[in-house]
Amino acid sequence: MAKLYANENFPVETVQSLRKRGYDVVTTHESGNSNLKIPDEEVLAFAVANERAVISVNRKDFKRLHRLYPLHFGIIVCTKNDDFENFAECIHKVLLQHEGGISNQLIKVYREGNS
């Protein structure tokens, strides 16, 4: 199961729902990196240093980072979803499709759970 690093804008309620499903998720707040205006490049670097995939609703910037820095432990970009349980379930379903791991991959999660 992928180890995840939730970007600052990622809903904590969805983090909690992912944890209930067995995911190891660390938030920027828990890592001491929230409210510091840390550039996305540094968010990705932190995730790489800690062998975690970044998960974010900041799709545009992290798609760009994937193109610039293709070696990472995964980047998961999501369409915003205020139904936090459904959001976690969509992410879970998409990650189940990547049993071989998500390193160096850009994973897209939409509200419906399609990648």
PDB file of N, CA and C in Angstrom:
ATOM      1  N   MET A   1       0.853  -1.178   0.000  1.00  0.00           N
ATOM      2  CA  MET A   1       0.000   0.000   0.000  1.00  0.00           C
ATOM      3  C   MET A   1       0.897   1.239   0.000  1.00  0.00           C
ATOM      4  N   ALA A   2       0.578   2.190  -0.846  1.00  0.00           N
ATOM      5  CA  ALA A   2       1.388   3.392  -0.994  1.00  0.00           C
ATOM      6  C   ALA A   2       1.435   4.209   0.296  1.00  0.00           C
ATOM      7  N   LYS A   3       2.620   4.725   0.599  1.00  0.00           N
ATOM      8  CA  LYS A   3       2.763   5.694   1.684  1.00  0.00           C
ATOM      9  C   LYS A   3       2.558   7.078   1.060  1.00  0.00           C
ATOM     10  N   LEU A   4       1.712   7.900   1.693  1.00  0.00           N
ATOM     11  CA  LEU A   4       1.298   9.159   1.086  1.00  0.00           C
ATOM     12  C   LEU A   4       1.725  10.366   1.905  1.00  0.00           C
ATOM     13  N   TYR A   5       1.946  11.470   1.195  1.00  0.00           N
ATOM     14  CA  TYR A   5       2.226  12.766   1.810  1.00  0.00           C
ATOM     15  C   TYR A   5       1.180  13.739   1.280  1.00  0.00           C
ATOM     16  N   ALA A   6       0.254  14.145   2.146  1.00  0.00           N
ATOM     17  CA  ALA A   6      -0.843  15.022   1.742  1.00  0.00           C
ATOM     18  C   ALA A   6      -0.393  16.471   1.716  1.00  0.00           C
ATOM     19  N   ASN A   7      -0.504  17.074   0.555  1.00  0.00           N
ATOM     20  CA  ASN A   7      -0.172  18.478   0.382  1.00  0.00           C
ATOM     21  C   ASN A   7      -1.069  19.339   1.273  1.00  0.00           C
ATOM     22  N   GLU A   8      -0.637  20.538   1.533  1.00  0.00           N
ATOM     23  CA  GLU A   8      -1.315  21.432   2.481  1.00  0.00           C
ATOM     24  C   GLU A   8      -2.793  21.672   2.165  1.00  0.00           C
ATOM     25  N   ASN A   9      -3.144  21.687   0.905  1.00  0.00           N
ATOM     26  CA  ASN A   9      -4.526  21.972   0.522  1.00  0.00           C
ATOM     27  C   ASN A   9      -5.402  20.723   0.497  1.00  0.00           C
ATOM     28  N   PHE A  10      -4.860  19.591   0.866  1.00  0.00           N
ATOM     29  CA  PHE A  10      -5.611  18.342   0.816  1.00  0.00           C
ATOM     30  C   PHE A  10      -6.467  18.207   2.071  1.00  0.00           C
ATOM     31  N   PRO A  11      -7.757  17.849   1.931  1.00  0.00           N
ATOM     32  CA  PRO A  11      -8.662  17.820   3.086  1.00  0.00           C
ATOM     33  C   PRO A  11      -8.267  16.792   4.154  1.00  0.00           C
ATOM     34  N   VAL A  12      -8.141  17.248   5.378  1.00  0.00           N
ATOM     35  CA  VAL A  12      -7.771  16.369   6.486  1.00  0.00           C
ATOM     36  C   VAL A  12      -8.825  15.295   6.709  1.00  0.00           C
ATOM     37  N   GLU A  13     -10.082  15.592   6.414  1.00  0.00           N
ATOM     38  CA  GLU A  13     -11.139  14.592   6.561  1.00  0.00           C
ATOM     39  C   GLU A  13     -10.918  13.414   5.612  1.00  0.00           C
ATOM     40  N   THR A  14     -10.421  13.708   4.436  1.00  0.00           N
ATOM     41  CA  THR A  14     -10.119  12.628   3.486  1.00  0.00           C
ATOM     42  C   THR A  14      -8.894  11.857   3.947  1.00  0.00           C
ATOM     43  N   VAL A  15      -7.920  12.551   4.523  1.00  0.00           N
ATOM     44  CA  VAL A  15      -6.751  11.874   5.105  1.00  0.00           C
ATOM     45  C   VAL A  15      -7.221  10.868   6.155  1.00  0.00           C
ATOM     46  N   GLN A  16      -8.115  11.288   7.021  1.00  0.00           N
ATOM     47  CA  GLN A  16      -8.621  10.404   8.074  1.00  0.00           C
ATOM     48  C   GLN A  16      -9.337   9.193   7.472  1.00  0.00           C
ATOM     49  N   SER A  17     -10.106   9.411   6.419  1.00  0.00           N
ATOM     50  CA  SER A  17     -10.795   8.301   5.758  1.00  0.00           C
ATOM     51  C   SER A  17      -9.813   7.348   5.083  1.00  0.00           C
ATOM     52  N   LEU A  18      -8.746   7.889   4.511  1.00  0.00           N
ATOM     53  CA  LEU A  18      -7.718   7.027   3.918  1.00  0.00           C
ATOM     54  C   LEU A  18      -7.023   6.194   4.999  1.00  0.00           C
ATOM     55  N   ARG A  19      -6.764   6.804   6.132  1.00  0.00           N
ATOM     56  CA  ARG A  19      -6.142   6.059   7.238  1.00  0.00           C
ATOM     57  C   ARG A  19      -7.029   4.916   7.710  1.00  0.00           C
ATOM     58  N   LYS A  20      -8.339   5.129   7.734  1.00  0.00           N
ATOM     59  CA  LYS A  20      -9.270   4.055   8.114  1.00  0.00           C
ATOM     60  C   LYS A  20      -9.176   2.886   7.147  1.00  0.00           C
ATOM     61  N   ARG A  21      -8.785   3.169   5.910  1.00  0.00           N
ATOM     62  CA  ARG A  21      -8.638   2.129   4.899  1.00  0.00           C
ATOM     63  C   ARG A  21      -7.250   1.500   4.931  1.00  0.00           C
ATOM     64  N   GLY A  22      -6.414   1.919   5.871  1.00  0.00           N
ATOM     65  CA  GLY A  22      -5.096   1.306   6.043  1.00  0.00           C
ATOM     66  C   GLY A  22      -3.934   2.057   5.427  1.00  0.00           C
ATOM     67  N   TYR A  23      -4.172   3.232   4.877  1.00  0.00           N
ATOM     68  CA  TYR A  23      -3.084   3.990   4.256  1.00  0.00           C
ATOM     69  C   TYR A  23      -2.261   4.731   5.311  1.00  0.00           C
ATOM     70  N   ASP A  24      -0.974   4.762   5.081  1.00  0.00           N
ATOM     71  CA  ASP A  24      -0.034   5.520   5.908  1.00  0.00           C
ATOM     72  C   ASP A  24       0.063   6.904   5.264  1.00  0.00           C
ATOM     73  N   VAL A  25      -0.598   7.879   5.877  1.00  0.00           N
ATOM     74  CA  VAL A  25      -0.653   9.229   5.322  1.00  0.00           C
ATOM     75  C   VAL A  25      -0.073  10.208   6.336  1.00  0.00           C
ATOM     76  N   VAL A  26       0.870  11.025   5.881  1.00  0.00           N
ATOM     77  CA  VAL A  26       1.425  12.116   6.679  1.00  0.00           C
ATOM     78  C   VAL A  26       0.981  13.416   6.024  1.00  0.00           C
ATOM     79  N   THR A  27       0.566  14.370   6.835  1.00  0.00           N
ATOM     80  CA  THR A  27       0.139  15.664   6.301  1.00  0.00           C
ATOM     81  C   THR A  27       1.270  16.679   6.440  1.00  0.00           C
ATOM     82  N   THR A  28       1.163  17.764   5.692  1.00  0.00           N
ATOM     83  CA  THR A  28       2.156  18.834   5.821  1.00  0.00           C
ATOM     84  C   THR A  28       2.143  19.394   7.239  1.00  0.00           C
ATOM     85  N   HIS A  29       0.968  19.458   7.846  1.00  0.00           N
ATOM     86  CA  HIS A  29       0.868  19.960   9.219  1.00  0.00           C
ATOM     87  C   HIS A  29       1.648  19.059  10.179  1.00  0.00           C
ATOM     88  N   GLU A  30       1.460  17.756  10.050  1.00  0.00           N
ATOM     89  CA  GLU A  30       2.153  16.806  10.928  1.00  0.00           C
ATOM     90  C   GLU A  30       3.665  16.824  10.734  1.00  0.00           C
ATOM     91  N   SER A  31       4.103  17.158   9.544  1.00  0.00           N
ATOM     92  CA  SER A  31       5.540  17.191   9.266  1.00  0.00           C
ATOM     93  C   SER A  31       6.162  18.550   9.568  1.00  0.00           C
ATOM     94  N   GLY A  32       5.345  19.486  10.066  1.00  0.00           N
ATOM     95  CA  GLY A  32       5.849  20.816  10.390  1.00  0.00           C
ATOM     96  C   GLY A  32       6.020  21.720   9.192  1.00  0.00           C
ATOM     97  N   ASN A  33       5.355  21.385   8.097  1.00  0.00           N
ATOM     98  CA  ASN A  33       5.525  22.151   6.863  1.00  0.00           C
ATOM     99  C   ASN A  33       4.289  22.931   6.435  1.00  0.00           C
ATOM    100  N   SER A  34       3.329  23.144   7.328  1.00  0.00           N
ATOM    101  CA  SER A  34       2.132  23.885   6.917  1.00  0.00           C
ATOM    102  C   SER A  34       2.262  25.366   7.259  1.00  0.00           C
ATOM    103  N   ASN A  35       1.527  26.183   6.517  1.00  0.00           N
ATOM    104  CA  ASN A  35       1.499  27.638   6.681  1.00  0.00           C
ATOM    105  C   ASN A  35       2.874  28.285   6.529  1.00  0.00           C
ATOM    106  N   LEU A  36       3.739  27.662   5.747  1.00  0.00           N
ATOM    107  CA  LEU A  36       5.085  28.199   5.511  1.00  0.00           C
ATOM    108  C   LEU A  36       5.285  28.640   4.068  1.00  0.00           C
ATOM    109  N   LYS A  37       4.246  28.497   3.257  1.00  0.00           N
ATOM    110  CA  LYS A  37       4.321  28.849   1.836  1.00  0.00           C
ATOM    111  C   LYS A  37       5.480  28.134   1.140  1.00  0.00           C
ATOM    112  N   ILE A  38       5.631  26.860   1.467  1.00  0.00           N
ATOM    113  CA  ILE A  38       6.692  26.052   0.867  1.00  0.00           C
ATOM    114  C   ILE A  38       6.360  25.804  -0.598  1.00  0.00           C
ATOM    115  N   PRO A  39       7.297  26.058  -1.490  1.00  0.00           N
ATOM    116  CA  PRO A  39       7.044  25.818  -2.920  1.00  0.00           C
ATOM    117  C   PRO A  39       6.742  24.336  -3.184  1.00  0.00           C
ATOM    118  N   ASP A  40       5.946  24.090  -4.204  1.00  0.00           N
ATOM    119  CA  ASP A  40       5.563  22.719  -4.544  1.00  0.00           C
ATOM    120  C   ASP A  40       6.777  21.836  -4.825  1.00  0.00           C
ATOM    121  N   GLU A  41       7.831  22.405  -5.382  1.00  0.00           N
ATOM    122  CA  GLU A  41       9.052  21.635  -5.635  1.00  0.00           C
ATOM    123  C   GLU A  41       9.613  21.069  -4.333  1.00  0.00           C
ATOM    124  N   GLU A  42       9.532  21.859  -3.260  1.00  0.00           N
ATOM    125  CA  GLU A  42      10.027  21.405  -1.964  1.00  0.00           C
ATOM    126  C   GLU A  42       9.081  20.386  -1.321  1.00  0.00           C
ATOM    127  N   VAL A  43       7.796  20.520  -1.602  1.00  0.00           N
ATOM    128  CA  VAL A  43       6.830  19.512  -1.141  1.00  0.00           C
ATOM    129  C   VAL A  43       7.192  18.164  -1.772  1.00  0.00           C
ATOM    130  N   LEU A  44       7.434  18.176  -3.072  1.00  0.00           N
ATOM    131  CA  LEU A  44       7.812  16.943  -3.763  1.00  0.00           C
ATOM    132  C   LEU A  44       9.148  16.418  -3.240  1.00  0.00           C
ATOM    133  N   ALA A  45      10.104  17.297  -3.020  1.00  0.00           N
ATOM    134  CA  ALA A  45      11.414  16.866  -2.503  1.00  0.00           C
ATOM    135  C   ALA A  45      11.278  16.224  -1.129  1.00  0.00           C
ATOM    136  N   PHE A  46      10.434  16.793  -0.280  1.00  0.00           N
ATOM    137  CA  PHE A  46      10.198  16.219   1.046  1.00  0.00           C
ATOM    138  C   PHE A  46       9.595  14.822   0.904  1.00  0.00           C
ATOM    139  N   ALA A  47       8.627  14.689   0.015  1.00  0.00           N
ATOM    140  CA  ALA A  47       7.989  13.382  -0.201  1.00  0.00           C
ATOM    141  C   ALA A  47       9.005  12.363  -0.696  1.00  0.00           C
ATOM    142  N   VAL A  48       9.840  12.761  -1.634  1.00  0.00           N
ATOM    143  CA  VAL A  48      10.857  11.853  -2.168  1.00  0.00           C
ATOM    144  C   VAL A  48      11.834  11.446  -1.063  1.00  0.00           C
ATOM    145  N   ALA A  49      12.288  12.410  -0.273  1.00  0.00           N
ATOM    146  CA  ALA A  49      13.232  12.112   0.804  1.00  0.00           C
ATOM    147  C   ALA A  49      12.642  11.147   1.826  1.00  0.00           C
ATOM    148  N   ASN A  50      11.313  11.151   1.938  1.00  0.00           N
ATOM    149  CA  ASN A  50      10.635  10.286   2.905  1.00  0.00           C
ATOM    150  C   ASN A  50       9.940   9.091   2.243  1.00  0.00           C
ATOM    151  N   GLU A  51      10.262   8.869   0.970  1.00  0.00           N
ATOM    152  CA  GLU A  51       9.749   7.732   0.203  1.00  0.00           C
ATOM    153  C   GLU A  51       8.221   7.650   0.232  1.00  0.00           C
ATOM    154  N   ARG A  52       7.590   8.799  -0.030  1.00  0.00           N
ATOM    155  CA  ARG A  52       6.131   8.907  -0.043  1.00  0.00           C
ATOM    156  C   ARG A  52       5.658   9.484  -1.367  1.00  0.00           C
ATOM    157  N   ALA A  53       4.452   9.125  -1.736  1.00  0.00           N
ATOM    158  CA  ALA A  53       3.799   9.725  -2.898  1.00  0.00           C
ATOM    159  C   ALA A  53       3.082  10.980  -2.440  1.00  0.00           C
ATOM    160  N   VAL A  54       3.162  12.021  -3.237  1.00  0.00           N
ATOM    161  CA  VAL A  54       2.418  13.252  -2.955  1.00  0.00           C
ATOM    162  C   VAL A  54       0.980  13.053  -3.401  1.00  0.00           C
ATOM    163  N   ILE A  55       0.044  13.528  -2.578  1.00  0.00           N
ATOM    164  CA  ILE A  55      -1.365  13.536  -2.967  1.00  0.00           C
ATOM    165  C   ILE A  55      -1.871  14.962  -2.809  1.00  0.00           C
ATOM    166  N   SER A  56      -2.517  15.477  -3.860  1.00  0.00           N
ATOM    167  CA  SER A  56      -2.884  16.888  -3.885  1.00  0.00           C
ATOM    168  C   SER A  56      -4.091  17.134  -4.775  1.00  0.00           C
ATOM    169  N   VAL A  57      -4.795  18.218  -4.489  1.00  0.00           N
ATOM    170  CA  VAL A  57      -5.829  18.706  -5.399  1.00  0.00           C
ATOM    171  C   VAL A  57      -5.269  19.821  -6.283  1.00  0.00           C
ATOM    172  N   ASN A  58      -4.001  20.113  -6.119  1.00  0.00           N
ATOM    173  CA  ASN A  58      -3.301  21.117  -6.919  1.00  0.00           C
ATOM    174  C   ASN A  58      -2.790  20.423  -8.188  1.00  0.00           C
ATOM    175  N   ARG A  59      -3.712  20.110  -9.077  1.00  0.00           N
ATOM    176  CA  ARG A  59      -3.399  19.272 -10.235  1.00  0.00           C
ATOM    177  C   ARG A  59      -2.406  19.923 -11.195  1.00  0.00           C
ATOM    178  N   LYS A  60      -2.656  21.154 -11.550  1.00  0.00           N
ATOM    179  CA  LYS A  60      -1.840  21.812 -12.573  1.00  0.00           C
ATOM    180  C   LYS A  60      -0.354  21.830 -12.187  1.00  0.00           C
ATOM    181  N   ASP A  61      -0.060  22.273 -10.981  1.00  0.00           N
ATOM    182  CA  ASP A  61       1.343  22.405 -10.576  1.00  0.00           C
ATOM    183  C   ASP A  61       2.034  21.053 -10.424  1.00  0.00           C
ATOM    184  N   PHE A  62       1.330  20.053  -9.907  1.00  0.00           N
ATOM    185  CA  PHE A  62       1.980  18.760  -9.714  1.00  0.00           C
ATOM    186  C   PHE A  62       2.096  17.968 -11.017  1.00  0.00           C
ATOM    187  N   LYS A  63       1.225  18.224 -11.973  1.00  0.00           N
ATOM    188  CA  LYS A  63       1.425  17.641 -13.308  1.00  0.00           C
ATOM    189  C   LYS A  63       2.706  18.205 -13.918  1.00  0.00           C
ATOM    190  N   ARG A  64       2.897  19.511 -13.738  1.00  0.00           N
ATOM    191  CA  ARG A  64       4.113  20.165 -14.248  1.00  0.00           C
ATOM    192  C   ARG A  64       5.351  19.580 -13.563  1.00  0.00           C
ATOM    193  N   LEU A  65       5.266  19.395 -12.252  1.00  0.00           N
ATOM    194  CA  LEU A  65       6.412  18.848 -11.520  1.00  0.00           C
ATOM    195  C   LEU A  65       6.731  17.422 -11.957  1.00  0.00           C
ATOM    196  N   HIS A  66       5.717  16.656 -12.274  1.00  0.00           N
ATOM    197  CA  HIS A  66       5.947  15.296 -12.764  1.00  0.00           C
ATOM    198  C   HIS A  66       6.754  15.324 -14.065  1.00  0.00           C
ATOM    199  N   ARG A  67       6.438  16.275 -14.928  1.00  0.00           N
ATOM    200  CA  ARG A  67       7.195  16.392 -16.186  1.00  0.00           C
ATOM    201  C   ARG A  67       8.632  16.829 -15.922  1.00  0.00           C
ATOM    202  N   LEU A  68       8.818  17.741 -14.958  1.00  0.00           N
ATOM    203  CA  LEU A  68      10.160  18.254 -14.664  1.00  0.00           C
ATOM    204  C   LEU A  68      11.012  17.278 -13.852  1.00  0.00           C
ATOM    205  N   TYR A  69      10.377  16.563 -12.941  1.00  0.00           N
ATOM    206  CA  TYR A  69      11.084  15.658 -12.025  1.00  0.00           C
ATOM    207  C   TYR A  69      10.401  14.282 -12.062  1.00  0.00           C
ATOM    208  N   PRO A  70      10.662  13.509 -13.092  1.00  0.00           N
ATOM    209  CA  PRO A  70       9.919  12.257 -13.276  1.00  0.00           C
ATOM    210  C   PRO A  70      10.293  11.134 -12.305  1.00  0.00           C
ATOM    211  N   LEU A  71      11.346  11.311 -11.522  1.00  0.00           N
ATOM    212  CA  LEU A  71      11.744  10.276 -10.568  1.00  0.00           C
ATOM    213  C   LEU A  71      11.240  10.647  -9.179  1.00  0.00           C
ATOM    214  N   HIS A  72      10.244   9.899  -8.729  1.00  0.00           N
ATOM    215  CA  HIS A  72       9.621  10.166  -7.429  1.00  0.00           C
ATOM    216  C   HIS A  72       8.882   8.902  -7.000  1.00  0.00           C
ATOM    217  N   PHE A  73       8.202   8.956  -5.892  1.00  0.00           N
ATOM    218  CA  PHE A  73       7.470   7.792  -5.380  1.00  0.00           C
ATOM    219  C   PHE A  73       5.984   7.844  -5.740  1.00  0.00           C
ATOM    220  N   GLY A  74       5.655   8.688  -6.683  1.00  0.00           N
ATOM    221  CA  GLY A  74       4.289   8.824  -7.163  1.00  0.00           C
ATOM    222  C   GLY A  74       3.741  10.205  -6.873  1.00  0.00           C
ATOM    223  N   ILE A  75       2.945  10.685  -7.799  1.00  0.00           N
ATOM    224  CA  ILE A  75       2.209  11.935  -7.627  1.00  0.00           C
ATOM    225  C   ILE A  75       0.763  11.613  -7.959  1.00  0.00           C
ATOM    226  N   ILE A  76      -0.115  11.879  -6.997  1.00  0.00           N
ATOM    227  CA  ILE A  76      -1.539  11.616  -7.169  1.00  0.00           C
ATOM    228  C   ILE A  76      -2.251  12.961  -7.175  1.00  0.00           C
ATOM    229  N   VAL A  77      -2.827  13.296  -8.306  1.00  0.00           N
ATOM    230  CA  VAL A  77      -3.559  14.554  -8.424  1.00  0.00           C
ATOM    231  C   VAL A  77      -5.046  14.240  -8.487  1.00  0.00           C
ATOM    232  N   CYS A  78      -5.820  14.997  -7.735  1.00  0.00           N
ATOM    233  CA  CYS A  78      -7.238  14.686  -7.562  1.00  0.00           C
ATOM    234  C   CYS A  78      -8.119  15.876  -7.898  1.00  0.00           C
ATOM    235  N   THR A  79      -9.288  15.557  -8.422  1.00  0.00           N
ATOM    236  CA  THR A  79     -10.347  16.538  -8.552  1.00  0.00           C
ATOM    237  C   THR A  79     -10.942  16.737  -7.169  1.00  0.00           C
ATOM    238  N   LYS A  80     -11.127  17.981  -6.775  1.00  0.00           N
ATOM    239  CA  LYS A  80     -11.672  18.282  -5.451  1.00  0.00           C
ATOM    240  C   LYS A  80     -13.025  17.612  -5.258  1.00  0.00           C
ATOM    241  N   ASN A  81     -13.218  17.070  -4.060  1.00  0.00           N
ATOM    242  CA  ASN A  81     -14.455  16.369  -3.734  1.00  0.00           C
ATOM    243  C   ASN A  81     -14.773  16.646  -2.270  1.00  0.00           C
ATOM    244  N   ASP A  82     -15.882  17.319  -2.004  1.00  0.00           N
ATOM    245  CA  ASP A  82     -16.250  17.663  -0.632  1.00  0.00           C
ATOM    246  C   ASP A  82     -16.969  16.536   0.103  1.00  0.00           C
ATOM    247  N   ASP A  83     -17.238  15.431  -0.579  1.00  0.00           N
ATOM    248  CA  ASP A  83     -17.754  14.229   0.077  1.00  0.00           C
ATOM    249  C   ASP A  83     -16.526  13.409   0.447  1.00  0.00           C
ATOM    250  N   PHE A  84     -15.998  13.639   1.646  1.00  0.00           N
ATOM    251  CA  PHE A  84     -14.690  13.137   2.035  1.00  0.00           C
ATOM    252  C   PHE A  84     -14.594  11.616   2.035  1.00  0.00           C
ATOM    253  N   GLU A  85     -15.650  10.930   2.450  1.00  0.00           N
ATOM    254  CA  GLU A  85     -15.660   9.461   2.408  1.00  0.00           C
ATOM    255  C   GLU A  85     -15.603   8.978   0.965  1.00  0.00           C
ATOM    256  N   ASN A  86     -16.415   9.579   0.111  1.00  0.00           N
ATOM    257  CA  ASN A  86     -16.412   9.227  -1.303  1.00  0.00           C
ATOM    258  C   ASN A  86     -15.058   9.538  -1.921  1.00  0.00           C
ATOM    259  N   PHE A  87     -14.481  10.656  -1.539  1.00  0.00           N
ATOM    260  CA  PHE A  87     -13.164  11.063  -2.046  1.00  0.00           C
ATOM    261  C   PHE A  87     -12.136   9.984  -1.716  1.00  0.00           C
ATOM    262  N   ALA A  88     -12.101   9.547  -0.467  1.00  0.00           N
ATOM    263  CA  ALA A  88     -11.152   8.508  -0.053  1.00  0.00           C
ATOM    264  C   ALA A  88     -11.409   7.209  -0.809  1.00  0.00           C
ATOM    265  N   GLU A  89     -12.669   6.869  -1.009  1.00  0.00           N
ATOM    266  CA  GLU A  89     -13.005   5.637  -1.726  1.00  0.00           C
ATOM    267  C   GLU A  89     -12.559   5.716  -3.186  1.00  0.00           C
ATOM    268  N   CYS A  90     -12.735   6.874  -3.819  1.00  0.00           N
ATOM    269  CA  CYS A  90     -12.267   7.060  -5.199  1.00  0.00           C
ATOM    270  C   CYS A  90     -10.761   6.873  -5.290  1.00  0.00           C
ATOM    271  N   ILE A  91     -10.031   7.457  -4.354  1.00  0.00           N
ATOM    272  CA  ILE A  91      -8.570   7.331  -4.333  1.00  0.00           C
ATOM    273  C   ILE A  91      -8.184   5.869  -4.131  1.00  0.00           C
ATOM    274  N   HIS A  92      -8.824   5.224  -3.171  1.00  0.00           N
ATOM    275  CA  HIS A  92      -8.546   3.818  -2.880  1.00  0.00           C
ATOM    276  C   HIS A  92      -8.762   2.946  -4.117  1.00  0.00           C
ATOM    277  N   LYS A  93      -9.876   3.133  -4.811  1.00  0.00           N
ATOM    278  CA  LYS A  93     -10.173   2.332  -5.997  1.00  0.00           C
ATOM    279  C   LYS A  93      -9.118   2.515  -7.083  1.00  0.00           C
ATOM    280  N   VAL A  94      -8.699   3.745  -7.274  1.00  0.00           N
ATOM    281  CA  VAL A  94      -7.680   4.006  -8.301  1.00  0.00           C
ATOM    282  C   VAL A  94      -6.346   3.380  -7.893  1.00  0.00           C
ATOM    283  N   LEU A  95      -5.975   3.501  -6.622  1.00  0.00           N
ATOM    284  CA  LEU A  95      -4.703   2.921  -6.180  1.00  0.00           C
ATOM    285  C   LEU A  95      -4.712   1.397  -6.257  1.00  0.00           C
ATOM    286  N   LEU A  96      -5.862   0.779  -6.071  1.00  0.00           N
ATOM    287  CA  LEU A  96      -5.953  -0.676  -6.208  1.00  0.00           C
ATOM    288  C   LEU A  96      -5.612  -1.130  -7.628  1.00  0.00           C
ATOM    289  N   GLN A  97      -5.801  -0.258  -8.590  1.00  0.00           N
ATOM    290  CA  GLN A  97      -5.482  -0.582  -9.980  1.00  0.00           C
ATOM    291  C   GLN A  97      -3.979  -0.561 -10.240  1.00  0.00           C
ATOM    292  N   HIS A  98      -3.207  -0.097  -9.269  1.00  0.00           N
ATOM    293  CA  HIS A  98      -1.753   0.027  -9.426  1.00  0.00           C
ATOM    294  C   HIS A  98      -1.028  -0.843  -8.396  1.00  0.00           C
ATOM    295  N   GLU A  99      -1.376  -2.125  -8.380  1.00  0.00           N
ATOM    296  CA  GLU A  99      -0.802  -3.043  -7.401  1.00  0.00           C
ATOM    297  C   GLU A  99       0.708  -3.151  -7.498  1.00  0.00           C
ATOM    298  N   GLY A 100       1.269  -2.902  -8.667  1.00  0.00           N
ATOM    299  CA  GLY A 100       2.713  -2.987  -8.858  1.00  0.00           C
ATOM    300  C   GLY A 100       3.468  -1.790  -8.307  1.00  0.00           C
ATOM    301  N   GLY A 101       2.746  -0.824  -7.739  1.00  0.00           N
ATOM    302  CA  GLY A 101       3.374   0.373  -7.205  1.00  0.00           C
ATOM    303  C   GLY A 101       3.104   1.583  -8.081  1.00  0.00           C
ATOM    304  N   ILE A 102       3.382   2.739  -7.519  1.00  0.00           N
ATOM    305  CA  ILE A 102       3.108   3.980  -8.250  1.00  0.00           C
ATOM    306  C   ILE A 102       4.348   4.846  -8.425  1.00  0.00           C
ATOM    307  N   SER A 103       5.512   4.316  -8.094  1.00  0.00           N
ATOM    308  CA  SER A 103       6.737   5.102  -8.252  1.00  0.00           C
ATOM    309  C   SER A 103       6.857   5.633  -9.670  1.00  0.00           C
ATOM    310  N   ASN A 104       7.230   6.893  -9.759  1.00  0.00           N
ATOM    311  CA  ASN A 104       7.479   7.600 -11.017  1.00  0.00           C
ATOM    312  C   ASN A 104       6.227   7.774 -11.876  1.00  0.00           C
ATOM    313  N   GLN A 105       5.065   7.521 -11.313  1.00  0.00           N
ATOM    314  CA  GLN A 105       3.820   7.655 -12.064  1.00  0.00           C
ATOM    315  C   GLN A 105       3.028   8.870 -11.616  1.00  0.00           C
ATOM    316  N   LEU A 106       2.312   9.448 -12.562  1.00  0.00           N
ATOM    317  CA  LEU A 106       1.328  10.485 -12.277  1.00  0.00           C
ATOM    318  C   LEU A 106      -0.026   9.801 -12.305  1.00  0.00           C
ATOM    319  N   ILE A 107      -0.703   9.781 -11.178  1.00  0.00           N
ATOM    320  CA  ILE A 107      -2.000   9.128 -11.048  1.00  0.00           C
ATOM    321  C   ILE A 107      -3.054  10.223 -10.956  1.00  0.00           C
ATOM    322  N   LYS A 108      -4.112  10.084 -11.752  1.00  0.00           N
ATOM    323  CA  LYS A 108      -5.200  11.068 -11.746  1.00  0.00           C
ATOM    324  C   LYS A 108      -6.441  10.423 -11.134  1.00  0.00           C
ATOM    325  N   VAL A 109      -7.021  11.127 -10.160  1.00  0.00           N
ATOM    326  CA  VAL A 109      -8.230  10.634  -9.520  1.00  0.00           C
ATOM    327  C   VAL A 109      -9.323  11.679  -9.719  1.00  0.00           C
ATOM    328  N   TYR A 110     -10.424  11.218 -10.295  1.00  0.00           N
ATOM    329  CA  TYR A 110     -11.575  12.082 -10.504  1.00  0.00           C
ATOM    330  C   TYR A 110     -12.660  11.724  -9.507  1.00  0.00           C
ATOM    331  N   ARG A 111     -13.628  12.568  -9.351  1.00  0.00           N
ATOM    332  CA  ARG A 111     -14.714  12.342  -8.386  1.00  0.00           C
ATOM    333  C   ARG A 111     -15.322  10.954  -8.510  1.00  0.00           C
ATOM    334  N   GLU A 112     -15.460  10.489  -9.719  1.00  0.00           N
ATOM    335  CA  GLU A 112     -16.098   9.192  -9.946  1.00  0.00           C
ATOM    336  C   GLU A 112     -15.162   8.041  -9.655  1.00  0.00           C
ATOM    337  N   GLY A 113     -13.860   8.324  -9.439  1.00  0.00           N
ATOM    338  CA  GLY A 113     -12.905   7.253  -9.159  1.00  0.00           C
ATOM    339  C   GLY A 113     -12.210   6.716 -10.392  1.00  0.00           C
ATOM    340  N   ASN A 114     -12.399   7.349 -11.538  1.00  0.00           N
ATOM    341  CA  ASN A 114     -11.733   6.910 -12.754  1.00  0.00           C
ATOM    342  C   ASN A 114     -10.348   7.512 -12.828  1.00  0.00           C
ATOM    343  N   SER A 115      -9.420   6.770 -13.377  1.00  0.00           N
ATOM    344  CA  SER A 115      -8.060   7.323 -13.552  1.00  0.00           C
ATOM    345  C   SER A 115      -7.764   7.572 -15.011  1.00  0.00           C
TER     346      SER A 115
END
